[in-house]
N, C-alpha and C. Protein backbone atom coordinates (compact mmCIF):
# COMPACT_ATOMS: atom_id res chain seq x y z
N MET A 1 153.66 4.10 22.64
CA MET A 1 154.92 4.68 22.69
C MET A 1 155.89 3.57 23.67
N PHE A 2 156.96 3.19 22.90
CA PHE A 2 158.31 2.67 23.57
C PHE A 2 159.46 3.58 23.70
N CYS A 3 160.29 3.12 25.33
CA CYS A 3 161.19 4.25 25.52
C CYS A 3 162.28 3.07 26.07
N CYS A 4 163.52 3.64 26.02
CA CYS A 4 164.75 2.76 26.37
C CYS A 4 165.13 3.44 27.61
N GLY A 5 164.78 1.64 28.45
CA GLY A 5 164.58 1.85 30.17
C GLY A 5 165.65 2.65 30.62
N HIS A 6 166.88 2.67 29.58
CA HIS A 6 168.42 3.22 29.84
C HIS A 6 168.66 4.84 30.51
N CYS A 7 168.20 5.42 28.43
CA CYS A 7 168.31 7.02 28.59
C CYS A 7 167.08 7.52 28.52
N GLY A 8 165.80 7.21 28.35
CA GLY A 8 164.28 7.54 28.00
C GLY A 8 163.99 7.94 26.54
N ARG A 9 164.96 7.31 25.40
CA ARG A 9 164.70 7.83 23.80
C ARG A 9 163.67 7.13 24.03
N GLU A 10 162.78 7.57 23.13
CA GLU A 10 161.72 6.87 22.13
C GLU A 10 162.13 6.29 21.39
N LEU A 11 161.57 4.81 20.46
CA LEU A 11 162.35 3.66 19.87
C LEU A 11 160.81 3.41 18.91
N LYS A 12 161.30 2.78 17.79
CA LYS A 12 160.05 2.11 17.13
C LYS A 12 160.53 0.40 17.26
N ILE A 13 159.53 0.24 17.94
CA ILE A 13 159.78 -1.41 18.15
C ILE A 13 158.38 -2.09 17.04
N GLU A 14 159.05 -2.15 16.06
CA GLU A 14 157.95 -3.64 15.08
C GLU A 14 158.04 -4.68 15.34
N ALA A 15 158.95 -5.67 15.74
CA ALA A 15 158.83 -7.09 16.17
C ALA A 15 159.43 -7.38 17.55
N LYS A 16 159.41 -8.65 17.91
CA LYS A 16 160.15 -9.09 19.03
C LYS A 16 161.51 -8.85 18.90
N ILE A 17 161.88 -8.00 20.45
CA ILE A 17 163.19 -8.03 20.54
C ILE A 17 163.98 -9.21 20.70
N ARG A 18 164.70 -8.98 20.25
CA ARG A 18 166.26 -9.98 20.29
C ARG A 18 167.06 -9.75 21.46
N ARG A 19 167.49 -10.69 22.24
CA ARG A 19 168.41 -10.86 23.91
C ARG A 19 169.33 -9.48 23.29
N GLU A 20 170.19 -9.61 22.13
CA GLU A 20 171.47 -8.91 22.20
C GLU A 20 171.01 -7.44 21.07
N GLU A 21 170.18 -7.21 20.91
CA GLU A 21 169.50 -5.98 20.44
C GLU A 21 169.92 -4.69 21.32
N VAL A 22 170.38 -3.32 20.72
CA VAL A 22 170.57 -2.40 21.64
C VAL A 22 170.17 -0.87 21.47
N CYS A 23 169.90 -0.66 22.15
CA CYS A 23 169.16 1.10 21.85
C CYS A 23 169.98 1.85 20.69
N PRO A 24 169.58 2.12 19.59
CA PRO A 24 170.60 3.17 18.68
C PRO A 24 171.22 4.23 19.67
N ALA A 25 170.66 4.90 20.62
CA ALA A 25 171.23 6.24 20.89
C ALA A 25 171.99 6.11 22.45
N CYS A 26 171.96 4.88 23.05
CA CYS A 26 172.70 5.27 24.45
C CYS A 26 173.46 3.58 23.97
N GLY A 27 173.33 2.86 23.31
CA GLY A 27 173.77 1.24 22.77
C GLY A 27 173.89 0.37 24.55
N GLU A 28 172.61 0.32 25.01
CA GLU A 28 172.65 -0.51 26.13
C GLU A 28 171.52 -1.25 25.70
N TYR A 29 171.35 -2.68 26.21
CA TYR A 29 170.92 -3.74 26.10
C TYR A 29 169.41 -3.35 26.09
N LEU A 30 168.43 -3.69 25.48
CA LEU A 30 167.12 -4.05 25.31
C LEU A 30 166.15 -4.79 26.04
N HIS A 31 166.76 -6.04 25.53
CA HIS A 31 165.79 -7.30 26.52
C HIS A 31 166.58 -7.37 27.56
N CYS A 32 166.22 -6.20 29.05
CA CYS A 32 166.58 -6.39 30.13
C CYS A 32 165.21 -6.00 30.99
N CYS A 33 165.41 -5.79 31.98
CA CYS A 33 164.37 -6.23 32.91
C CYS A 33 164.13 -4.60 32.85
N LEU A 34 164.91 -3.99 32.60
CA LEU A 34 164.14 -2.40 33.27
C LEU A 34 163.04 -1.79 31.91
N ASN A 35 163.46 -2.82 30.68
CA ASN A 35 162.62 -2.13 29.78
C ASN A 35 160.86 -3.19 29.48
N CYS A 36 161.11 -4.19 30.58
CA CYS A 36 160.17 -5.28 31.10
C CYS A 36 158.71 -4.33 31.16
N ARG A 37 157.60 -4.78 30.71
CA ARG A 37 156.16 -4.44 31.59
C ARG A 37 156.04 -4.72 32.94
N PHE A 38 156.67 -6.59 32.99
CA PHE A 38 156.39 -6.65 34.41
C PHE A 38 157.51 -6.02 35.63
N PHE A 39 158.66 -5.04 35.18
CA PHE A 39 159.55 -4.65 36.26
C PHE A 39 158.66 -3.90 37.09
N THR A 40 159.13 -4.09 38.17
CA THR A 40 158.35 -2.90 39.30
C THR A 40 159.15 -3.08 40.22
N GLY A 41 160.09 -1.83 40.52
CA GLY A 41 161.27 -1.45 41.50
C GLY A 41 160.59 -2.01 42.90
N GLY A 42 159.78 -1.81 43.29
CA GLY A 42 159.15 -1.76 44.63
C GLY A 42 158.52 -3.12 45.34
N ILE A 43 159.33 -4.35 44.52
CA ILE A 43 158.59 -5.50 44.96
C ILE A 43 160.38 -6.28 45.51
N SER A 44 160.92 -7.04 45.62
CA SER A 44 161.75 -7.80 46.09
C SER A 44 162.27 -8.52 44.96
N ARG A 45 161.80 -8.54 44.16
CA ARG A 45 162.48 -9.45 43.19
C ARG A 45 162.62 -8.33 41.54
N ALA A 46 161.61 -7.75 42.19
CA ALA A 46 161.39 -6.29 40.54
C ALA A 46 160.50 -6.77 39.53
N CYS A 47 159.86 -7.68 40.14
CA CYS A 47 159.36 -8.23 38.98
C CYS A 47 158.06 -9.01 39.48
N SER A 48 157.13 -8.78 38.60
CA SER A 48 155.65 -8.64 38.63
C SER A 48 155.09 -9.73 38.48
N GLU A 49 155.95 -10.86 37.72
CA GLU A 49 155.70 -12.00 36.98
C GLU A 49 156.08 -13.10 37.85
N SER A 50 155.21 -13.87 38.84
CA SER A 50 155.64 -14.99 39.46
C SER A 50 156.26 -16.19 38.97
N GLN A 51 156.26 -16.15 37.75
CA GLN A 51 156.68 -17.65 37.31
C GLN A 51 158.32 -17.40 36.50
N ALA A 52 158.44 -15.78 36.52
CA ALA A 52 159.43 -15.37 36.31
C ALA A 52 161.04 -16.29 36.68
N GLU A 53 162.53 -16.54 36.74
CA GLU A 53 163.33 -16.95 37.56
C GLU A 53 163.78 -14.85 37.80
N GLU A 54 164.17 -15.01 39.02
CA GLU A 54 165.20 -13.65 39.41
C GLU A 54 166.28 -13.57 38.43
N VAL A 55 166.37 -12.63 38.07
CA VAL A 55 167.56 -12.06 37.18
C VAL A 55 168.09 -10.36 38.24
N ARG A 56 169.64 -10.72 38.57
CA ARG A 56 170.16 -10.40 39.63
C ARG A 56 170.48 -8.80 38.51
N ASP A 57 170.88 -8.81 37.43
CA ASP A 57 171.61 -7.76 36.85
C ASP A 57 169.98 -7.15 36.17
N LYS A 58 169.70 -6.18 36.62
CA LYS A 58 168.25 -5.43 36.28
C LYS A 58 168.67 -4.74 34.61
N GLU A 59 169.84 -4.25 34.46
CA GLU A 59 169.91 -3.32 33.39
C GLU A 59 170.62 -4.32 32.34
N LYS A 60 171.51 -5.39 32.42
CA LYS A 60 171.88 -6.25 31.97
C LYS A 60 170.99 -7.13 30.83
N ALA A 61 171.07 -7.41 29.64
CA ALA A 61 170.47 -8.30 28.83
C ALA A 61 170.42 -9.88 29.40
N ASN A 62 169.44 -10.50 29.35
CA ASN A 62 168.57 -11.33 30.18
C ASN A 62 167.85 -12.59 29.37
N PHE A 63 167.89 -13.73 29.65
CA PHE A 63 166.86 -15.11 28.77
C PHE A 63 165.72 -15.25 29.14
N CYS A 64 164.67 -14.31 30.09
CA CYS A 64 163.72 -13.90 30.14
C CYS A 64 162.45 -14.21 29.35
N GLY A 65 162.15 -15.59 29.53
CA GLY A 65 161.14 -16.01 28.36
C GLY A 65 159.28 -15.08 29.17
N PHE A 66 159.33 -14.46 29.91
CA PHE A 66 158.60 -13.47 30.05
C PHE A 66 158.25 -12.66 29.52
N PHE A 67 159.22 -11.74 29.08
CA PHE A 67 160.03 -10.07 28.47
C PHE A 67 158.38 -9.72 27.58
N LEU A 68 158.40 -8.87 28.18
CA LEU A 68 157.35 -7.71 27.09
C LEU A 68 157.69 -6.01 27.10
N PHE A 69 158.28 -5.69 26.23
CA PHE A 69 158.83 -4.59 26.10
C PHE A 69 157.56 -3.47 26.51
N ALA A 70 157.81 -2.86 27.45
CA ALA A 70 157.16 -1.94 28.24
C ALA A 70 156.42 -0.72 27.20
N GLU A 71 155.58 -0.42 27.55
CA GLU A 71 154.79 0.84 26.50
C GLU A 71 154.81 1.92 27.90
N GLY A 72 154.99 3.24 26.96
CA GLY A 72 154.76 4.18 28.73
C GLY A 72 155.97 5.00 29.05
N LYS A 73 157.01 3.59 29.11
CA LYS A 73 157.94 4.30 30.15
C LYS A 73 158.43 5.52 29.25
N SER A 74 159.07 6.41 29.92
CA SER A 74 160.53 7.25 29.48
C SER A 74 161.60 7.76 29.99
N ALA A 75 161.71 7.33 31.41
CA ALA A 75 162.69 7.87 31.83
C ALA A 75 162.78 6.36 32.79
N SER A 76 164.30 5.96 32.94
CA SER A 76 164.59 5.06 33.94
C SER A 76 165.33 5.33 35.59
N PRO A 77 164.63 4.28 36.13
CA PRO A 77 165.38 4.91 37.84
C PRO A 77 166.68 5.29 37.47
N SER A 78 167.85 5.22 37.07
CA SER A 78 169.17 5.46 36.48
C SER A 78 169.57 6.63 36.07
N GLY A 79 167.85 7.53 35.56
CA GLY A 79 167.81 8.48 34.12
C GLY A 79 168.30 10.32 35.39
N ASP A 80 167.57 10.78 34.81
CA ASP A 80 167.36 12.23 35.58
C ASP A 80 167.18 12.25 36.58
N ALA A 81 166.32 11.29 37.25
CA ALA A 81 165.63 11.30 38.60
C ALA A 81 166.45 11.31 39.72
N ALA A 82 166.93 10.06 38.85
CA ALA A 82 168.69 9.75 40.22
C ALA A 82 169.54 10.68 40.55
N THR A 83 169.85 11.31 39.04
CA THR A 83 170.70 12.32 39.32
C THR A 83 170.43 13.55 39.85
N SER A 84 169.43 13.97 39.31
CA SER A 84 168.78 15.06 40.58
C SER A 84 168.69 14.30 41.99
N ALA A 85 168.21 13.54 42.74
CA ALA A 85 167.97 12.87 44.06
C ALA A 85 169.78 12.98 44.68
N ARG A 86 170.53 12.69 43.84
CA ARG A 86 172.00 12.55 44.50
C ARG A 86 172.72 13.32 44.55
N ALA A 87 172.36 15.19 43.48
CA ALA A 87 172.92 15.63 43.66
C ALA A 87 172.10 17.15 44.92
N HIS A 88 171.09 16.59 44.94
CA HIS A 88 170.26 16.98 46.09
C HIS A 88 171.03 16.80 47.20
N PHE A 89 171.46 14.74 47.36
CA PHE A 89 171.63 14.51 48.61
C PHE A 89 172.95 14.86 49.36
N GLN A 90 174.14 14.89 47.83
CA GLN A 90 175.36 15.58 47.99
C GLN A 90 174.92 17.07 48.70
N SER A 91 174.21 18.09 48.17
CA SER A 91 174.13 19.18 48.46
C SER A 91 174.29 19.27 50.10
N LEU A 92 173.40 18.08 50.66
CA LEU A 92 173.04 18.08 52.05
C LEU A 92 174.06 18.31 52.44
N PHE A 93 175.59 17.48 52.32
CA PHE A 93 176.93 17.76 53.05
C PHE A 93 177.96 18.49 52.44
N GLN A 94 177.52 19.80 51.59
CA GLN A 94 178.23 20.72 51.49
C GLN A 94 178.30 21.91 52.47
N LYS A 95 179.51 22.44 52.59
CA LYS A 95 179.75 23.90 53.81
C LYS A 95 178.55 24.57 53.33
N LYS A 96 178.28 26.02 53.92
CA LYS A 96 177.50 26.46 53.38
C LYS A 96 178.17 27.60 54.03
N PRO A 97 178.10 28.64 52.96
CA PRO A 97 178.46 30.00 53.33
C PRO A 97 177.77 30.81 54.80
N GLU A 98 178.88 31.51 55.45
CA GLU A 98 178.09 31.93 56.90
C GLU A 98 177.37 33.12 56.85
N LYS A 99 176.71 33.81 57.37
CA LYS A 99 176.29 34.73 57.15
C LYS A 99 176.36 35.85 57.85
N GLN A 100 176.74 36.83 57.39
CA GLN A 100 177.47 38.31 58.36
C GLN A 100 176.24 39.02 58.62
């Protein structure tokens, strides 16, 4: 199962992803770090392929020759989890009603 790293929508991938291909659901580029099997947010370059050149914008199309579309990813780092975390963080600073 292949999923867009931006919106999480399931995709049918039958051939190699070209650099300019976009997700039919959200219109974001598919040939980007978010969709690559080597993408890992936990290391400094966010890429586990040691020979790949560093890509600064992980969400935009790039020319990386090591790109392989990741299988099984269903949610993006910028998706629902981030939205939920942001809402929780903002709620920490909202004034709460006083108890009577």
